[in-house]
Amino acid sequence: IFGNVTKKKLIHESVLLVENSNGDV
């Protein structure tokens, strides 16, 4: 999903961080 967004020609840079509450994921 992140890759599909960053493929778009107007997206020059991007970051995504996903975690659960206690951070073990």
mmCIF file of all heavy atoms, coordinates in Angstrom:
data_MODEL
# 
_entry.id   MODEL 
# 
loop_
_atom_site.group_PDB 
_atom_site.id 
_atom_site.type_symbol 
_atom_site.label_atom_id 
_atom_site.label_alt_id 
_atom_site.label_comp_id 
_atom_site.label_asym_id 
_atom_site.label_entity_id 
_atom_site.label_seq_id 
_atom_site.pdbx_PDB_ins_code 
_atom_site.Cartn_x 
_atom_site.Cartn_y 
_atom_site.Cartn_z 
_atom_site.occupancy 
_atom_site.B_iso_or_equiv 
_atom_site.pdbx_formal_charge 
_atom_site.auth_seq_id 
_atom_site.auth_comp_id 
_atom_site.auth_asym_id 
_atom_site.auth_atom_id 
_atom_site.pdbx_PDB_model_num 
ATOM 1   N N   . ILE A 1 1  ? 0.850  -1.205 0.000   1.00 0.00 ? 1  ILE A N   1 
ATOM 2   C CA  . ILE A 1 1  ? 0.000  0.000  0.000   1.00 0.00 ? 1  ILE A CA  1 
ATOM 3   C C   . ILE A 1 1  ? 0.883  1.251  0.000   1.00 0.00 ? 1  ILE A C   1 
ATOM 4   O O   . ILE A 1 1  ? 0.649  2.195  -0.762  1.00 0.00 ? 1  ILE A O   1 
ATOM 5   C CB  . ILE A 1 1  ? -0.955 0.000  1.220   1.00 0.00 ? 1  ILE A CB  1 
ATOM 6   C CG1 . ILE A 1 1  ? -1.984 -1.126 1.062   1.00 0.00 ? 1  ILE A CG1 1 
ATOM 7   C CG2 . ILE A 1 1  ? -1.654 1.347  1.381   1.00 0.00 ? 1  ILE A CG2 1 
ATOM 8   C CD1 . ILE A 1 1  ? -2.758 -1.469 2.331   1.00 0.00 ? 1  ILE A CD1 1 
ATOM 9   N N   . PHE A 1 2  ? 1.924  1.239  0.836   1.00 0.00 ? 2  PHE A N   1 
ATOM 10  C CA  . PHE A 1 2  ? 2.876  2.359  0.901   1.00 0.00 ? 2  PHE A CA  1 
ATOM 11  C C   . PHE A 1 2  ? 3.558  2.538  -0.466  1.00 0.00 ? 2  PHE A C   1 
ATOM 12  O O   . PHE A 1 2  ? 3.686  3.653  -0.966  1.00 0.00 ? 2  PHE A O   1 
ATOM 13  C CB  . PHE A 1 2  ? 3.914  2.096  1.997   1.00 0.00 ? 2  PHE A CB  1 
ATOM 14  C CG  . PHE A 1 2  ? 4.919  3.205  2.178   1.00 0.00 ? 2  PHE A CG  1 
ATOM 15  C CD1 . PHE A 1 2  ? 4.559  4.404  2.765   1.00 0.00 ? 2  PHE A CD1 1 
ATOM 16  C CD2 . PHE A 1 2  ? 6.243  3.040  1.767   1.00 0.00 ? 2  PHE A CD2 1 
ATOM 17  C CE1 . PHE A 1 2  ? 5.489  5.427  2.949   1.00 0.00 ? 2  PHE A CE1 1 
ATOM 18  C CE2 . PHE A 1 2  ? 7.179  4.054  1.943   1.00 0.00 ? 2  PHE A CE2 1 
ATOM 19  C CZ  . PHE A 1 2  ? 6.801  5.249  2.535   1.00 0.00 ? 2  PHE A CZ  1 
ATOM 20  N N   . GLY A 1 3  ? 3.945  1.427  -1.071  1.00 0.00 ? 3  GLY A N   1 
ATOM 21  C CA  . GLY A 1 3  ? 4.599  1.458  -2.377  1.00 0.00 ? 3  GLY A CA  1 
ATOM 22  C C   . GLY A 1 3  ? 3.707  2.042  -3.459  1.00 0.00 ? 3  GLY A C   1 
ATOM 23  O O   . GLY A 1 3  ? 4.157  2.814  -4.318  1.00 0.00 ? 3  GLY A O   1 
ATOM 24  N N   . ASN A 1 4  ? 2.416  1.712  -3.401  1.00 0.00 ? 4  ASN A N   1 
ATOM 25  C CA  . ASN A 1 4  ? 1.471  2.250  -4.389  1.00 0.00 ? 4  ASN A CA  1 
ATOM 26  C C   . ASN A 1 4  ? 1.337  3.772  -4.273  1.00 0.00 ? 4  ASN A C   1 
ATOM 27  O O   . ASN A 1 4  ? 1.179  4.460  -5.276  1.00 0.00 ? 4  ASN A O   1 
ATOM 28  C CB  . ASN A 1 4  ? 0.089  1.604  -4.230  1.00 0.00 ? 4  ASN A CB  1 
ATOM 29  C CG  . ASN A 1 4  ? 0.086  0.164  -4.703  1.00 0.00 ? 4  ASN A CG  1 
ATOM 30  O OD1 . ASN A 1 4  ? 0.968  -0.240 -5.466  1.00 0.00 ? 4  ASN A OD1 1 
ATOM 31  N ND2 . ASN A 1 4  ? -0.869 -0.620 -4.241  1.00 0.00 ? 4  ASN A ND2 1 
ATOM 32  N N   . VAL A 1 5  ? 1.410  4.268  -3.047  1.00 0.00 ? 5  VAL A N   1 
ATOM 33  C CA  . VAL A 1 5  ? 1.321  5.722  -2.837  1.00 0.00 ? 5  VAL A CA  1 
ATOM 34  C C   . VAL A 1 5  ? 2.598  6.408  -3.333  1.00 0.00 ? 5  VAL A C   1 
ATOM 35  O O   . VAL A 1 5  ? 2.551  7.421  -4.031  1.00 0.00 ? 5  VAL A O   1 
ATOM 36  C CB  . VAL A 1 5  ? 1.062  6.053  -1.345  1.00 0.00 ? 5  VAL A CB  1 
ATOM 37  C CG1 . VAL A 1 5  ? 1.239  7.544  -1.070  1.00 0.00 ? 5  VAL A CG1 1 
ATOM 38  C CG2 . VAL A 1 5  ? -0.339 5.625  -0.952  1.00 0.00 ? 5  VAL A CG2 1 
ATOM 39  N N   . THR A 1 6  ? 3.743  5.844  -2.978  1.00 0.00 ? 6  THR A N   1 
ATOM 40  C CA  . THR A 1 6  ? 5.014  6.501  -3.332  1.00 0.00 ? 6  THR A CA  1 
ATOM 41  C C   . THR A 1 6  ? 5.351  6.385  -4.825  1.00 0.00 ? 6  THR A C   1 
ATOM 42  O O   . THR A 1 6  ? 6.200  7.100  -5.325  1.00 0.00 ? 6  THR A O   1 
ATOM 43  C CB  . THR A 1 6  ? 6.182  5.944  -2.491  1.00 0.00 ? 6  THR A CB  1 
ATOM 44  O OG1 . THR A 1 6  ? 6.240  4.520  -2.650  1.00 0.00 ? 6  THR A OG1 1 
ATOM 45  C CG2 . THR A 1 6  ? 6.002  6.271  -1.017  1.00 0.00 ? 6  THR A CG2 1 
ATOM 46  N N   . LYS A 1 7  ? 4.649  5.499  -5.526  1.00 0.00 ? 7  LYS A N   1 
ATOM 47  C CA  . LYS A 1 7  ? 4.829  5.384  -6.989  1.00 0.00 ? 7  LYS A CA  1 
ATOM 48  C C   . LYS A 1 7  ? 4.277  6.594  -7.724  1.00 0.00 ? 7  LYS A C   1 
ATOM 49  O O   . LYS A 1 7  ? 4.647  6.878  -8.853  1.00 0.00 ? 7  LYS A O   1 
ATOM 50  C CB  . LYS A 1 7  ? 4.084  4.143  -7.503  1.00 0.00 ? 7  LYS A CB  1 
ATOM 51  C CG  . LYS A 1 7  ? 4.963  2.920  -7.682  1.00 0.00 ? 7  LYS A CG  1 
ATOM 52  C CD  . LYS A 1 7  ? 4.170  1.823  -8.379  1.00 0.00 ? 7  LYS A CD  1 
ATOM 53  C CE  . LYS A 1 7  ? 4.430  0.490  -7.713  1.00 0.00 ? 7  LYS A CE  1 
ATOM 54  N NZ  . LYS A 1 7  ? 3.288  -0.376 -7.601  1.00 0.00 ? 7  LYS A NZ  1 
ATOM 55  N N   . LYS A 1 8  ? 3.329  7.278  -7.079  1.00 0.00 ? 8  LYS A N   1 
ATOM 56  C CA  . LYS A 1 8  ? 2.680  8.407  -7.748  1.00 0.00 ? 8  LYS A CA  1 
ATOM 57  C C   . LYS A 1 8  ? 3.699  9.502  -8.018  1.00 0.00 ? 8  LYS A C   1 
ATOM 58  O O   . LYS A 1 8  ? 4.539  9.801  -7.172  1.00 0.00 ? 8  LYS A O   1 
ATOM 59  C CB  . LYS A 1 8  ? 1.528  8.936  -6.886  1.00 0.00 ? 8  LYS A CB  1 
ATOM 60  C CG  . LYS A 1 8  ? 0.408  7.922  -6.781  1.00 0.00 ? 8  LYS A CG  1 
ATOM 61  C CD  . LYS A 1 8  ? -0.690 8.394  -5.868  1.00 0.00 ? 8  LYS A CD  1 
ATOM 62  C CE  . LYS A 1 8  ? -1.781 7.334  -5.810  1.00 0.00 ? 8  LYS A CE  1 
ATOM 63  N NZ  . LYS A 1 8  ? -2.696 7.516  -4.712  1.00 0.00 ? 8  LYS A NZ  1 
ATOM 64  N N   . LYS A 1 9  ? 3.579  10.130 -9.192  1.00 0.00 ? 9  LYS A N   1 
ATOM 65  C CA  . LYS A 1 9  ? 4.653  11.040 -9.616  1.00 0.00 ? 9  LYS A CA  1 
ATOM 66  C C   . LYS A 1 9  ? 4.762  12.303 -8.763  1.00 0.00 ? 9  LYS A C   1 
ATOM 67  O O   . LYS A 1 9  ? 5.806  12.924 -8.730  1.00 0.00 ? 9  LYS A O   1 
ATOM 68  C CB  . LYS A 1 9  ? 4.548  11.374 -11.095 1.00 0.00 ? 9  LYS A CB  1 
ATOM 69  C CG  . LYS A 1 9  ? 3.310  12.149 -11.530 1.00 0.00 ? 9  LYS A CG  1 
ATOM 70  C CD  . LYS A 1 9  ? 3.421  12.476 -13.023 1.00 0.00 ? 9  LYS A CD  1 
ATOM 71  C CE  . LYS A 1 9  ? 2.407  13.493 -13.475 1.00 0.00 ? 9  LYS A CE  1 
ATOM 72  N NZ  . LYS A 1 9  ? 1.020  12.984 -13.424 1.00 0.00 ? 9  LYS A NZ  1 
ATOM 73  N N   . LEU A 1 10 ? 3.695  12.662 -8.044  1.00 0.00 ? 10 LEU A N   1 
ATOM 74  C CA  . LEU A 1 10 ? 3.780  13.872 -7.219  1.00 0.00 ? 10 LEU A CA  1 
ATOM 75  C C   . LEU A 1 10 ? 4.302  13.599 -5.804  1.00 0.00 ? 10 LEU A C   1 
ATOM 76  O O   . LEU A 1 10 ? 4.499  14.523 -5.023  1.00 0.00 ? 10 LEU A O   1 
ATOM 77  C CB  . LEU A 1 10 ? 2.415  14.568 -7.133  1.00 0.00 ? 10 LEU A CB  1 
ATOM 78  C CG  . LEU A 1 10 ? 1.933  15.260 -8.418  1.00 0.00 ? 10 LEU A CG  1 
ATOM 79  C CD1 . LEU A 1 10 ? 0.589  15.928 -8.181  1.00 0.00 ? 10 LEU A CD1 1 
ATOM 80  C CD2 . LEU A 1 10 ? 2.946  16.274 -8.934  1.00 0.00 ? 10 LEU A CD2 1 
ATOM 81  N N   . ILE A 1 11 ? 4.534  12.325 -5.471  1.00 0.00 ? 11 ILE A N   1 
ATOM 82  C CA  . ILE A 1 11 ? 5.070  12.010 -4.138  1.00 0.00 ? 11 ILE A CA  1 
ATOM 83  C C   . ILE A 1 11 ? 6.591  11.906 -4.241  1.00 0.00 ? 11 ILE A C   1 
ATOM 84  O O   . ILE A 1 11 ? 7.125  11.023 -4.889  1.00 0.00 ? 11 ILE A O   1 
ATOM 85  C CB  . ILE A 1 11 ? 4.463  10.705 -3.575  1.00 0.00 ? 11 ILE A CB  1 
ATOM 86  C CG1 . ILE A 1 11 ? 2.924  10.791 -3.529  1.00 0.00 ? 11 ILE A CG1 1 
ATOM 87  C CG2 . ILE A 1 11 ? 5.029  10.398 -2.181  1.00 0.00 ? 11 ILE A CG2 1 
ATOM 88  C CD1 . ILE A 1 11 ? 2.344  11.899 -2.671  1.00 0.00 ? 11 ILE A CD1 1 
ATOM 89  N N   . HIS A 1 12 ? 7.281  12.867 -3.607  1.00 0.00 ? 12 HIS A N   1 
ATOM 90  C CA  . HIS A 1 12 ? 8.736  12.958 -3.725  1.00 0.00 ? 12 HIS A CA  1 
ATOM 91  C C   . HIS A 1 12 ? 9.461  12.308 -2.550  1.00 0.00 ? 12 HIS A C   1 
ATOM 92  O O   . HIS A 1 12 ? 10.610 11.901 -2.659  1.00 0.00 ? 12 HIS A O   1 
ATOM 93  C CB  . HIS A 1 12 ? 9.146  14.435 -3.834  1.00 0.00 ? 12 HIS A CB  1 
ATOM 94  C CG  . HIS A 1 12 ? 8.413  15.146 -4.933  1.00 0.00 ? 12 HIS A CG  1 
ATOM 95  N ND1 . HIS A 1 12 ? 8.766  15.017 -6.255  1.00 0.00 ? 12 HIS A ND1 1 
ATOM 96  C CD2 . HIS A 1 12 ? 7.320  15.953 -4.901  1.00 0.00 ? 12 HIS A CD2 1 
ATOM 97  C CE1 . HIS A 1 12 ? 7.927  15.743 -6.996  1.00 0.00 ? 12 HIS A CE1 1 
ATOM 98  N NE2 . HIS A 1 12 ? 7.043  16.302 -6.197  1.00 0.00 ? 12 HIS A NE2 1 
ATOM 99  N N   . GLU A 1 13 ? 8.779  12.258 -1.405  1.00 0.00 ? 13 GLU A N   1 
ATOM 100 C CA  . GLU A 1 13 ? 9.361  11.634 -0.216  1.00 0.00 ? 13 GLU A CA  1 
ATOM 101 C C   . GLU A 1 13 ? 8.211  11.224 0.699   1.00 0.00 ? 13 GLU A C   1 
ATOM 102 O O   . GLU A 1 13 ? 7.131  11.808 0.647   1.00 0.00 ? 13 GLU A O   1 
ATOM 103 C CB  . GLU A 1 13 ? 10.300 12.614 0.511   1.00 0.00 ? 13 GLU A CB  1 
ATOM 104 C CG  . GLU A 1 13 ? 9.642  13.942 0.860   1.00 0.00 ? 13 GLU A CG  1 
ATOM 105 C CD  . GLU A 1 13 ? 10.526 14.836 1.706   1.00 0.00 ? 13 GLU A CD  1 
ATOM 106 O OE1 . GLU A 1 13 ? 11.719 14.939 1.410   1.00 0.00 ? 13 GLU A OE1 1 
ATOM 107 O OE2 . GLU A 1 13 ? 10.000 15.414 2.668   1.00 0.00 ? 13 GLU A OE2 1 
ATOM 108 N N   . SER A 1 14 ? 8.453  10.219 1.510   1.00 0.00 ? 14 SER A N   1 
ATOM 109 C CA  . SER A 1 14 ? 7.367  9.735  2.358   1.00 0.00 ? 14 SER A CA  1 
ATOM 110 C C   . SER A 1 14 ? 7.913  8.866  3.481   1.00 0.00 ? 14 SER A C   1 
ATOM 111 O O   . SER A 1 14 ? 9.010  8.306  3.371   1.00 0.00 ? 14 SER A O   1 
ATOM 112 C CB  . SER A 1 14 ? 6.394  8.924  1.493   1.00 0.00 ? 14 SER A CB  1 
ATOM 113 O OG  . SER A 1 14 ? 5.224  8.656  2.196   1.00 0.00 ? 14 SER A OG  1 
ATOM 114 N N   . VAL A 1 15 ? 7.139  8.771  4.559   1.00 0.00 ? 15 VAL A N   1 
ATOM 115 C CA  . VAL A 1 15 ? 7.515  7.888  5.672   1.00 0.00 ? 15 VAL A CA  1 
ATOM 116 C C   . VAL A 1 15 ? 6.242  7.313  6.274   1.00 0.00 ? 15 VAL A C   1 
ATOM 117 O O   . VAL A 1 15 ? 5.182  7.953  6.253   1.00 0.00 ? 15 VAL A O   1 
ATOM 118 C CB  . VAL A 1 15 ? 8.340  8.661  6.745   1.00 0.00 ? 15 VAL A CB  1 
ATOM 119 C CG1 . VAL A 1 15 ? 7.502  9.742  7.431   1.00 0.00 ? 15 VAL A CG1 1 
ATOM 120 C CG2 . VAL A 1 15 ? 8.931  7.715  7.787   1.00 0.00 ? 15 VAL A CG2 1 
ATOM 121 N N   . LEU A 1 16 ? 6.327  6.084  6.787   1.00 0.00 ? 16 LEU A N   1 
ATOM 122 C CA  . LEU A 1 16 ? 5.194  5.451  7.456   1.00 0.00 ? 16 LEU A CA  1 
ATOM 123 C C   . LEU A 1 16 ? 5.723  4.627  8.619   1.00 0.00 ? 16 LEU A C   1 
ATOM 124 O O   . LEU A 1 16 ? 6.694  3.884  8.473   1.00 0.00 ? 16 LEU A O   1 
ATOM 125 C CB  . LEU A 1 16 ? 4.440  4.541  6.475   1.00 0.00 ? 16 LEU A CB  1 
ATOM 126 C CG  . LEU A 1 16 ? 3.261  3.735  7.054   1.00 0.00 ? 16 LEU A CG  1 
ATOM 127 C CD1 . LEU A 1 16 ? 2.131  4.649  7.491   1.00 0.00 ? 16 LEU A CD1 1 
ATOM 128 C CD2 . LEU A 1 16 ? 2.740  2.726  6.023   1.00 0.00 ? 16 LEU A CD2 1 
ATOM 129 N N   . LEU A 1 17 ? 5.086  4.792  9.786   1.00 0.00 ? 17 LEU A N   1 
ATOM 130 C CA  . LEU A 1 17 ? 5.437  4.009  10.971  1.00 0.00 ? 17 LEU A CA  1 
ATOM 131 C C   . LEU A 1 17 ? 4.145  3.417  11.528  1.00 0.00 ? 17 LEU A C   1 
ATOM 132 O O   . LEU A 1 17 ? 3.170  4.137  11.744  1.00 0.00 ? 17 LEU A O   1 
ATOM 133 C CB  . LEU A 1 17 ? 6.116  4.912  12.018  1.00 0.00 ? 17 LEU A CB  1 
ATOM 134 C CG  . LEU A 1 17 ? 6.509  4.280  13.355  1.00 0.00 ? 17 LEU A CG  1 
ATOM 135 C CD1 . LEU A 1 17 ? 7.489  3.121  13.176  1.00 0.00 ? 17 LEU A CD1 1 
ATOM 136 C CD2 . LEU A 1 17 ? 7.119  5.331  14.290  1.00 0.00 ? 17 LEU A CD2 1 
ATOM 137 N N   . VAL A 1 18 ? 4.133  2.103  11.712  1.00 0.00 ? 18 VAL A N   1 
ATOM 138 C CA  . VAL A 1 18 ? 2.938  1.401  12.208  1.00 0.00 ? 18 VAL A CA  1 
ATOM 139 C C   . VAL A 1 18 ? 3.334  0.605  13.443  1.00 0.00 ? 18 VAL A C   1 
ATOM 140 O O   . VAL A 1 18 ? 4.311  -0.147 13.422  1.00 0.00 ? 18 VAL A O   1 
ATOM 141 C CB  . VAL A 1 18 ? 2.384  0.435  11.130  1.00 0.00 ? 18 VAL A CB  1 
ATOM 142 C CG1 . VAL A 1 18 ? 1.097  -0.221 11.626  1.00 0.00 ? 18 VAL A CG1 1 
ATOM 143 C CG2 . VAL A 1 18 ? 2.142  1.155  9.812   1.00 0.00 ? 18 VAL A CG2 1 
ATOM 144 N N   . GLU A 1 19 ? 2.579  0.787  14.542  1.00 0.00 ? 19 GLU A N   1 
ATOM 145 C CA  . GLU A 1 19 ? 2.887  0.055  15.786  1.00 0.00 ? 19 GLU A CA  1 
ATOM 146 C C   . GLU A 1 19 ? 1.617  -0.294 16.529  1.00 0.00 ? 19 GLU A C   1 
ATOM 147 O O   . GLU A 1 19 ? 0.604  0.401  16.399  1.00 0.00 ? 19 GLU A O   1 
ATOM 148 C CB  . GLU A 1 19 ? 3.757  0.914  16.723  1.00 0.00 ? 19 GLU A CB  1 
ATOM 149 C CG  . GLU A 1 19 ? 5.222  0.943  16.349  1.00 0.00 ? 19 GLU A CG  1 
ATOM 150 C CD  . GLU A 1 19 ? 6.086  1.687  17.382  1.00 0.00 ? 19 GLU A CD  1 
ATOM 151 O OE1 . GLU A 1 19 ? 5.593  2.018  18.482  1.00 0.00 ? 19 GLU A OE1 1 
ATOM 152 O OE2 . GLU A 1 19 ? 7.245  1.923  17.060  1.00 0.00 ? 19 GLU A OE2 1 
ATOM 153 N N   . ASN A 1 20 ? 1.701  -1.339 17.362  1.00 0.00 ? 20 ASN A N   1 
ATOM 154 C CA  . ASN A 1 20 ? 0.604  -1.587 18.304  1.00 0.00 ? 20 ASN A CA  1 
ATOM 155 C C   . ASN A 1 20 ? 0.931  -0.871 19.615  1.00 0.00 ? 20 ASN A C   1 
ATOM 156 O O   . ASN A 1 20 ? 1.996  -0.256 19.752  1.00 0.00 ? 20 ASN A O   1 
ATOM 157 C CB  . ASN A 1 20 ? 0.368  -3.093 18.496  1.00 0.00 ? 20 ASN A CB  1 
ATOM 158 C CG  . ASN A 1 20 ? 1.564  -3.789 19.134  1.00 0.00 ? 20 ASN A CG  1 
ATOM 159 O OD1 . ASN A 1 20 ? 2.624  -3.184 19.323  1.00 0.00 ? 20 ASN A OD1 1 
ATOM 160 N ND2 . ASN A 1 20 ? 1.398  -5.062 19.460  1.00 0.00 ? 20 ASN A ND2 1 
ATOM 161 N N   . SER A 1 21 ? 0.002  -0.942 20.587  1.00 0.00 ? 21 SER A N   1 
ATOM 162 C CA  . SER A 1 21 ? 0.151  -0.155 21.829  1.00 0.00 ? 21 SER A CA  1 
ATOM 163 C C   . SER A 1 21 ? 1.473  -0.364 22.543  1.00 0.00 ? 21 SER A C   1 
ATOM 164 O O   . SER A 1 21 ? 2.130  0.584  22.948  1.00 0.00 ? 21 SER A O   1 
ATOM 165 C CB  . SER A 1 21 ? -0.980 -0.472 22.805  1.00 0.00 ? 21 SER A CB  1 
ATOM 166 O OG  . SER A 1 21 ? -2.144 0.179  22.402  1.00 0.00 ? 21 SER A OG  1 
ATOM 167 N N   . ASN A 1 22 ? 1.884  -1.632 22.737  1.00 0.00 ? 22 ASN A N   1 
ATOM 168 C CA  . ASN A 1 22 ? 3.108  -1.839 23.520  1.00 0.00 ? 22 ASN A CA  1 
ATOM 169 C C   . ASN A 1 22 ? 4.377  -1.865 22.668  1.00 0.00 ? 22 ASN A C   1 
ATOM 170 O O   . ASN A 1 22 ? 5.476  -2.046 23.185  1.00 0.00 ? 22 ASN A O   1 
ATOM 171 C CB  . ASN A 1 22 ? 2.998  -3.108 24.385  1.00 0.00 ? 22 ASN A CB  1 
ATOM 172 C CG  . ASN A 1 22 ? 2.742  -4.343 23.547  1.00 0.00 ? 22 ASN A CG  1 
ATOM 173 O OD1 . ASN A 1 22 ? 2.970  -4.325 22.342  1.00 0.00 ? 22 ASN A OD1 1 
ATOM 174 N ND2 . ASN A 1 22 ? 2.263  -5.407 24.182  1.00 0.00 ? 22 ASN A ND2 1 
ATOM 175 N N   . GLY A 1 23 ? 4.213  -1.681 21.346  1.00 0.00 ? 23 GLY A N   1 
ATOM 176 C CA  . GLY A 1 23 ? 5.399  -1.537 20.493  1.00 0.00 ? 23 GLY A CA  1 
ATOM 177 C C   . GLY A 1 23 ? 6.074  -2.839 20.099  1.00 0.00 ? 23 GLY A C   1 
ATOM 178 O O   . GLY A 1 23 ? 7.126  -2.826 19.458  1.00 0.00 ? 23 GLY A O   1 
ATOM 179 N N   . ASP A 1 24 ? 5.480  -3.997 20.477  1.00 0.00 ? 24 ASP A N   1 
ATOM 180 C CA  . ASP A 1 24 ? 6.160  -5.238 20.079  1.00 0.00 ? 24 ASP A CA  1 
ATOM 181 C C   . ASP A 1 24 ? 5.872  -5.591 18.613  1.00 0.00 ? 24 ASP A C   1 
ATOM 182 O O   . ASP A 1 24 ? 6.512  -6.450 18.023  1.00 0.00 ? 24 ASP A O   1 
ATOM 183 C CB  . ASP A 1 24 ? 5.848  -6.415 21.018  1.00 0.00 ? 24 ASP A CB  1 
ATOM 184 C CG  . ASP A 1 24 ? 4.361  -6.726 21.128  1.00 0.00 ? 24 ASP A CG  1 
ATOM 185 O OD1 . ASP A 1 24 ? 3.578  -6.108 20.380  1.00 0.00 ? 24 ASP A OD1 1 
ATOM 186 O OD2 . ASP A 1 24 ? 3.986  -7.570 21.956  1.00 0.00 ? 24 ASP A OD2 1 
ATOM 187 N N   . VAL A 1 25 ? 4.885  -4.900 18.030  1.00 0.00 ? 25 VAL A N   1 
ATOM 188 C CA  . VAL A 1 25 ? 4.722  -4.946 16.572  1.00 0.00 ? 25 VAL A CA  1 
ATOM 189 C C   . VAL A 1 25 ? 5.068  -3.554 16.062  1.00 0.00 ? 25 VAL A C   1 
ATOM 190 O O   . VAL A 1 25 ? 4.467  -2.566 16.483  1.00 0.00 ? 25 VAL A O   1 
ATOM 191 C CB  . VAL A 1 25 ? 3.262  -5.292 16.174  1.00 0.00 ? 25 VAL A CB  1 
ATOM 192 C CG1 . VAL A 1 25 ? 3.089  -5.193 14.664  1.00 0.00 ? 25 VAL A CG1 1 
ATOM 193 C CG2 . VAL A 1 25 ? 2.887  -6.676 16.671  1.00 0.00 ? 25 VAL A CG2 1 
# 
